[in-house]
N, C-alpha and C. Protein backbone atom coordinates (compact mmCIF):
# COMPACT_ATOMS: atom_id res chain seq x y z
N MET A 1 -24.37 -9.62 1.72
CA MET A 1 -25.99 -10.02 0.91
C MET A 1 -27.40 -10.41 1.66
N ILE A 2 -28.40 -9.32 1.34
CA ILE A 2 -30.01 -9.93 2.26
C ILE A 2 -29.76 -10.83 1.20
N ARG A 3 -30.40 -12.38 2.33
CA ARG A 3 -30.81 -13.88 2.43
C ARG A 3 -32.51 -12.85 1.26
N VAL A 4 -32.94 -13.75 0.51
CA VAL A 4 -34.44 -13.50 1.03
C VAL A 4 -34.98 -15.07 0.14
N ILE A 5 -36.01 -14.76 0.91
CA ILE A 5 -36.51 -16.33 1.10
C ILE A 5 -38.38 -16.50 0.36
N GLY A 6 -38.41 -17.55 -0.22
CA GLY A 6 -39.80 -17.47 -1.12
C GLY A 6 -39.46 -18.55 -2.12
N ASN A 7 -40.94 -18.53 -3.12
CA ASN A 7 -40.82 -19.81 -3.54
C ASN A 7 -39.97 -19.46 -4.95
N ALA A 8 -39.13 -20.56 -5.80
CA ALA A 8 -37.81 -19.82 -7.02
C ALA A 8 -39.54 -19.27 -7.80
N ASP A 9 -40.28 -20.02 -7.65
CA ASP A 9 -41.25 -18.99 -9.20
C ASP A 9 -41.57 -17.74 -9.32
N GLU A 10 -41.62 -17.16 -8.14
CA GLU A 10 -41.87 -15.76 -7.67
C GLU A 10 -40.63 -14.97 -7.62
N PHE A 11 -39.32 -15.51 -8.75
CA PHE A 11 -37.85 -14.77 -8.51
C PHE A 11 -37.38 -15.18 -10.24
N TRP A 12 -37.72 -16.42 -10.72
CA TRP A 12 -36.96 -16.94 -12.13
C TRP A 12 -38.32 -17.25 -12.80
N ARG A 13 -37.87 -17.30 -13.97
CA ARG A 13 -38.67 -17.61 -15.39
C ARG A 13 -37.70 -17.78 -16.25
N LEU A 14 -38.64 -19.31 -16.71
CA LEU A 14 -37.26 -20.22 -17.25
C LEU A 14 -37.70 -19.83 -19.20
N ARG A 15 -37.15 -19.62 -20.38
CA ARG A 15 -36.87 -19.46 -21.76
C ARG A 15 -36.66 -20.51 -22.80
N ILE A 16 -37.01 -20.20 -23.37
CA ILE A 16 -36.02 -21.33 -24.28
C ILE A 16 -35.38 -20.08 -25.61
N THR A 17 -34.14 -20.07 -25.79
CA THR A 17 -33.94 -18.89 -27.36
C THR A 17 -33.40 -20.16 -28.32
N ARG A 18 -33.55 -19.61 -29.43
CA ARG A 18 -33.04 -19.90 -30.79
C ARG A 18 -31.99 -19.41 -31.25
N LEU A 19 -30.71 -20.84 -31.12
CA LEU A 19 -29.57 -19.82 -31.96
C LEU A 19 -29.06 -20.58 -33.41
N ASP A 20 -28.91 -19.12 -34.24
CA ASP A 20 -28.20 -20.09 -35.15
C ASP A 20 -26.72 -20.16 -35.75
N THR A 21 -26.16 -20.69 -35.74
CA THR A 21 -25.30 -21.18 -36.02
C THR A 21 -24.54 -20.78 -37.50
N THR A 22 -25.19 -20.63 -38.74
CA THR A 22 -25.14 -20.38 -39.52
C THR A 22 -23.58 -19.64 -40.29
N GLU A 23 -22.86 -20.23 -41.08
CA GLU A 23 -21.37 -19.64 -40.81
C GLU A 23 -21.94 -18.43 -42.31
N ASN A 24 -22.74 -18.76 -42.98
CA ASN A 24 -22.98 -17.78 -44.16
C ASN A 24 -23.55 -16.55 -44.27
N PHE A 25 -23.50 -15.96 -44.79
CA PHE A 25 -25.11 -14.41 -44.58
C PHE A 25 -25.51 -15.42 -45.18
N ASP A 26 -26.82 -14.56 -45.24
CA ASP A 26 -27.96 -14.45 -45.42
C ASP A 26 -28.53 -14.03 -47.11
N LEU A 27 -27.88 -12.85 -47.10
CA LEU A 27 -27.98 -11.84 -47.65
C LEU A 27 -26.19 -11.15 -48.58
N GLU A 28 -26.49 -10.78 -49.98
CA GLU A 28 -25.20 -10.10 -50.07
C GLU A 28 -25.50 -8.83 -49.88
N TRP A 29 -24.56 -7.82 -50.02
CA TRP A 29 -25.53 -6.46 -49.56
C TRP A 29 -24.12 -5.39 -50.48
N HIS A 30 -24.53 -5.42 -51.16
CA HIS A 30 -24.06 -4.20 -52.38
C HIS A 30 -25.09 -2.77 -52.73
N ASP A 31 -23.97 -1.64 -52.58
CA ASP A 31 -25.02 -0.57 -52.21
C ASP A 31 -25.88 0.11 -53.38
N ASP A 32 -25.17 -0.93 -54.57
CA ASP A 32 -26.04 -0.15 -56.02
C ASP A 32 -26.84 -1.32 -56.37
N ILE A 33 -27.17 -2.17 -55.21
CA ILE A 33 -27.97 -3.30 -55.25
C ILE A 33 -28.92 -3.42 -54.05
N LEU A 34 -30.56 -3.20 -54.00
CA LEU A 34 -31.55 -3.35 -53.01
C LEU A 34 -31.79 -4.62 -52.38
N TYR A 35 -31.77 -5.56 -53.54
CA TYR A 35 -31.96 -6.84 -53.11
C TYR A 35 -31.18 -8.17 -53.73
N ARG A 36 -30.60 -9.19 -53.22
CA ARG A 36 -30.22 -9.52 -53.77
C ARG A 36 -30.24 -11.02 -53.54
N GLN A 37 -30.57 -12.11 -54.29
CA GLN A 37 -31.37 -13.84 -54.02
C GLN A 37 -30.44 -14.45 -52.32
N PRO A 38 -30.74 -15.09 -51.76
CA PRO A 38 -29.68 -15.53 -51.31
C PRO A 38 -29.13 -16.49 -51.46
N SER A 39 -27.89 -16.96 -51.20
CA SER A 39 -27.49 -17.96 -52.33
C SER A 39 -28.10 -19.85 -52.03
N PRO A 40 -28.12 -20.57 -53.29
CA PRO A 40 -29.02 -21.58 -53.17
C PRO A 40 -27.94 -22.42 -52.29
N ASP A 41 -26.90 -22.36 -52.08
CA ASP A 41 -26.45 -23.21 -50.97
C ASP A 41 -26.12 -22.84 -49.36
N PRO A 42 -27.40 -23.13 -48.62
CA PRO A 42 -27.32 -22.63 -47.05
C PRO A 42 -26.40 -23.13 -46.41
N GLY A 43 -25.67 -23.70 -46.86
CA GLY A 43 -25.07 -24.13 -46.32
C GLY A 43 -24.73 -25.16 -45.07
N ASP A 44 -23.86 -25.19 -43.94
CA ASP A 44 -24.30 -25.79 -42.43
C ASP A 44 -24.94 -25.22 -41.75
N GLU A 45 -26.37 -25.22 -41.72
CA GLU A 45 -26.91 -24.79 -40.50
C GLU A 45 -27.19 -25.48 -39.85
N VAL A 46 -26.65 -24.80 -38.84
CA VAL A 46 -27.44 -25.85 -36.40
C VAL A 46 -27.84 -24.85 -36.32
N GLU A 47 -28.66 -25.34 -35.16
CA GLU A 47 -29.52 -24.50 -35.13
C GLU A 47 -29.00 -25.16 -33.73
N LEU A 48 -28.61 -24.25 -32.26
CA LEU A 48 -29.05 -24.61 -30.48
C LEU A 48 -29.81 -24.27 -30.76
N TRP A 49 -30.50 -25.24 -29.77
CA TRP A 49 -31.48 -23.99 -28.37
C TRP A 49 -31.09 -23.74 -26.99
N HIS A 50 -31.09 -23.22 -26.62
CA HIS A 50 -30.92 -22.76 -24.85
C HIS A 50 -31.82 -22.45 -24.55
N VAL A 51 -31.80 -22.70 -22.49
CA VAL A 51 -32.73 -23.39 -21.73
C VAL A 51 -32.05 -22.44 -20.89
N GLU A 52 -33.06 -20.95 -20.71
CA GLU A 52 -32.81 -19.70 -19.50
C GLU A 52 -33.00 -19.52 -18.84
N ALA A 53 -33.16 -19.66 -17.96
CA ALA A 53 -34.05 -19.09 -16.21
C ALA A 53 -32.98 -17.09 -16.65
N VAL A 54 -34.30 -16.22 -16.32
CA VAL A 54 -34.57 -15.01 -15.90
C VAL A 54 -35.12 -14.43 -14.85
N ARG A 55 -33.94 -13.88 -14.30
CA ARG A 55 -34.94 -13.18 -12.99
C ARG A 55 -36.06 -11.89 -13.67
N LEU A 56 -37.21 -12.44 -12.43
CA LEU A 56 -37.98 -11.22 -12.88
C LEU A 56 -38.17 -9.92 -12.58
N ASP A 57 -37.00 -9.90 -11.32
CA ASP A 57 -37.17 -8.50 -10.95
C ASP A 57 -36.02 -7.99 -11.79
N ASP A 58 -35.59 -8.35 -12.55
CA ASP A 58 -33.70 -8.11 -13.88
C ASP A 58 -33.75 -8.44 -15.12
N PRO A 59 -34.53 -8.30 -15.98
CA PRO A 59 -35.19 -9.07 -17.06
C PRO A 59 -33.53 -9.19 -17.86
N ASP A 60 -32.64 -8.35 -17.09
CA ASP A 60 -31.32 -8.30 -17.62
C ASP A 60 -30.72 -9.02 -17.34
N THR A 61 -30.33 -10.18 -16.43
CA THR A 61 -30.45 -11.28 -15.50
C THR A 61 -30.31 -12.32 -16.12
N VAL A 62 -29.47 -13.14 -16.98
CA VAL A 62 -30.54 -14.36 -17.69
C VAL A 62 -28.73 -15.38 -17.13
N VAL A 63 -29.15 -15.93 -17.23
CA VAL A 63 -28.62 -17.31 -16.59
C VAL A 63 -28.92 -18.85 -17.76
N ARG A 64 -27.78 -18.64 -18.63
CA ARG A 64 -27.85 -20.01 -19.20
C ARG A 64 -27.69 -21.28 -18.53
N ILE A 65 -28.79 -22.27 -18.37
CA ILE A 65 -28.89 -23.92 -18.06
C ILE A 65 -28.67 -24.67 -18.46
N ALA A 66 -28.66 -24.92 -20.22
CA ALA A 66 -28.44 -25.68 -20.63
C ALA A 66 -28.27 -25.67 -22.34
N THR A 67 -27.40 -26.42 -22.65
CA THR A 67 -27.78 -26.05 -24.48
C THR A 67 -28.15 -27.26 -25.28
N CYS A 68 -29.68 -27.42 -25.58
CA CYS A 68 -30.05 -28.56 -26.59
C CYS A 68 -29.86 -28.32 -27.86
N ASP A 69 -29.42 -29.96 -28.61
CA ASP A 69 -29.77 -29.58 -30.26
C ASP A 69 -30.43 -29.35 -30.82
N THR A 70 -31.95 -30.43 -30.08
CA THR A 70 -32.71 -30.05 -30.67
C THR A 70 -34.17 -29.87 -29.66
N GLN A 71 -35.42 -28.81 -30.76
CA GLN A 71 -36.18 -28.34 -29.81
C GLN A 71 -36.66 -28.98 -29.55
N SER A 72 -37.29 -30.14 -29.40
CA SER A 72 -37.90 -30.96 -28.85
C SER A 72 -36.73 -31.35 -27.07
N GLU A 73 -35.97 -31.51 -27.88
CA GLU A 73 -34.81 -31.83 -26.37
C GLU A 73 -34.63 -30.97 -25.16
N ALA A 74 -34.84 -29.21 -25.94
CA ALA A 74 -35.04 -27.95 -24.66
C ALA A 74 -36.75 -28.14 -24.13
N ARG A 75 -37.56 -28.29 -25.05
CA ARG A 75 -38.91 -28.43 -24.54
C ARG A 75 -39.05 -29.45 -23.60
N ASP A 76 -38.61 -30.72 -23.75
CA ASP A 76 -38.55 -32.07 -22.38
C ASP A 76 -37.88 -31.03 -20.85
N LEU A 77 -36.56 -31.07 -21.25
CA LEU A 77 -35.56 -30.07 -20.24
C LEU A 77 -36.15 -28.64 -19.13
N ILE A 78 -36.84 -28.47 -20.39
CA ILE A 78 -37.79 -26.75 -19.42
C ILE A 78 -38.66 -27.28 -19.03
N GLU A 79 -39.55 -28.45 -19.37
CA GLU A 79 -40.23 -29.02 -18.85
C GLU A 79 -39.81 -29.42 -16.94
N ARG A 80 -39.05 -30.34 -16.82
CA ARG A 80 -38.87 -30.84 -15.77
C ARG A 80 -38.42 -29.79 -15.23
N ILE A 81 -37.08 -28.87 -15.58
CA ILE A 81 -36.59 -27.91 -14.75
C ILE A 81 -37.97 -26.65 -13.54
N ASN A 82 -39.38 -26.56 -15.28
CA ASN A 82 -40.28 -25.37 -14.66
C ASN A 82 -40.92 -26.28 -13.50
N GLU A 83 -40.90 -27.67 -13.00
CA GLU A 83 -41.47 -28.76 -11.84
C GLU A 83 -40.99 -28.55 -10.57
N ASP A 84 -39.77 -28.67 -11.28
CA ASP A 84 -38.83 -28.02 -9.91
C ASP A 84 -38.70 -26.45 -9.37
N LEU A 85 -39.34 -25.70 -10.00
CA LEU A 85 -39.51 -23.95 -10.34
C LEU A 85 -40.31 -24.20 -9.66
N THR A 86 -40.92 -24.35 -9.95
CA THR A 86 -42.72 -24.22 -8.52
C THR A 86 -42.72 -24.84 -7.77
N ASP A 87 -41.19 -26.24 -7.56
CA ASP A 87 -41.65 -26.76 -6.05
C ASP A 87 -40.88 -26.40 -5.19
N MET A 88 -39.56 -25.72 -5.57
CA MET A 88 -37.96 -25.09 -5.25
C MET A 88 -38.12 -23.51 -4.60
N THR A 89 -37.33 -24.05 -3.36
CA THR A 89 -37.60 -22.42 -2.43
C THR A 89 -36.31 -21.38 -3.79
N LYS A 90 -36.62 -20.32 -3.46
CA LYS A 90 -35.25 -19.32 -3.85
C LYS A 90 -33.77 -19.83 -3.93
N SER A 91 -33.43 -20.29 -3.09
CA SER A 91 -32.63 -20.91 -2.62
C SER A 91 -31.95 -22.04 -3.56
N GLU A 92 -32.94 -23.57 -3.14
CA GLU A 92 -32.84 -24.34 -3.98
C GLU A 92 -32.99 -24.64 -5.36
N PHE A 93 -33.55 -23.50 -5.34
CA PHE A 93 -33.87 -23.20 -7.05
C PHE A 93 -31.71 -23.07 -7.89
N GLU A 94 -31.33 -21.63 -7.26
CA GLU A 94 -29.65 -21.67 -7.21
C GLU A 94 -28.91 -22.33 -7.28
N ILE A 95 -29.19 -22.78 -6.18
CA ILE A 95 -27.94 -23.87 -6.09
C ILE A 95 -28.23 -25.22 -7.26
N ALA A 96 -29.19 -25.23 -7.51
CA ALA A 96 -29.11 -26.70 -8.32
C ALA A 96 -29.06 -25.70 -10.02
N TYR A 97 -29.82 -24.54 -10.21
CA TYR A 97 -29.65 -24.82 -11.31
C TYR A 97 -28.64 -23.05 -11.48
N VAL A 98 -28.38 -22.42 -10.72
CA VAL A 98 -27.85 -20.46 -11.50
C VAL A 98 -26.79 -20.72 -11.19
N ASP A 99 -26.33 -21.56 -9.65
CA ASP A 99 -25.20 -21.58 -9.23
C ASP A 99 -23.74 -22.00 -10.00
N GLY A 100 -23.16 -21.80 -10.43
CA GLY A 100 -22.18 -22.34 -11.74
C GLY A 100 -22.87 -22.11 -13.20
N ALA A 101 -23.98 -21.89 -13.27
CA ALA A 101 -24.52 -21.67 -15.29
C ALA A 101 -23.29 -20.03 -15.51
N GLU A 102 -24.02 -20.14 -16.81
CA GLU A 102 -23.16 -19.38 -17.25
C GLU A 102 -24.55 -18.03 -17.53
N LEU A 103 -23.33 -17.16 -16.77
CA LEU A 103 -23.86 -15.73 -16.61
C LEU A 103 -23.63 -14.75 -17.46
N GLY A 104 -25.25 -14.29 -18.29
CA GLY A 104 -24.25 -13.13 -19.46
C GLY A 104 -25.78 -11.95 -18.77
N ASP A 105 -25.67 -10.93 -19.69
CA ASP A 105 -27.10 -9.68 -19.64
C ASP A 105 -27.76 -9.92 -20.71
N THR A 106 -27.54 -10.96 -21.75
CA THR A 106 -27.90 -11.22 -22.47
C THR A 106 -28.97 -12.79 -22.51
N GLY A 107 -28.00 -13.14 -22.29
CA GLY A 107 -27.78 -15.13 -22.53
C GLY A 107 -27.42 -15.73 -23.86
N VAL A 108 -27.15 -15.01 -25.02
CA VAL A 108 -26.81 -15.08 -26.18
C VAL A 108 -24.96 -14.70 -26.48
N GLU A 109 -24.89 -15.22 -26.77
CA GLU A 109 -23.24 -14.73 -27.36
C GLU A 109 -23.00 -13.87 -28.38
């Protein structure tokens, strides 16, 4: 493996992804009806916010760093991680945030 040296922000960018974990379908689909109103009971709508790192040279490589319950919590976390992204080298950032994190091709289950 070739070791590449440089600032972390030259290799990674951060993003927040919203995941809606609602169990119910938004619309009921029938072949004979073009559109049906959503059910009045939305059920238990739960949103999760994923803080993810994306490789700049391979946008399909997404690493989920953390999962937050609220958008404000995710924004606060991404601000703190972004400071590290600008201050750390690529190796330091990967040791601190990428190694041991959940790796996926889209970052979403």
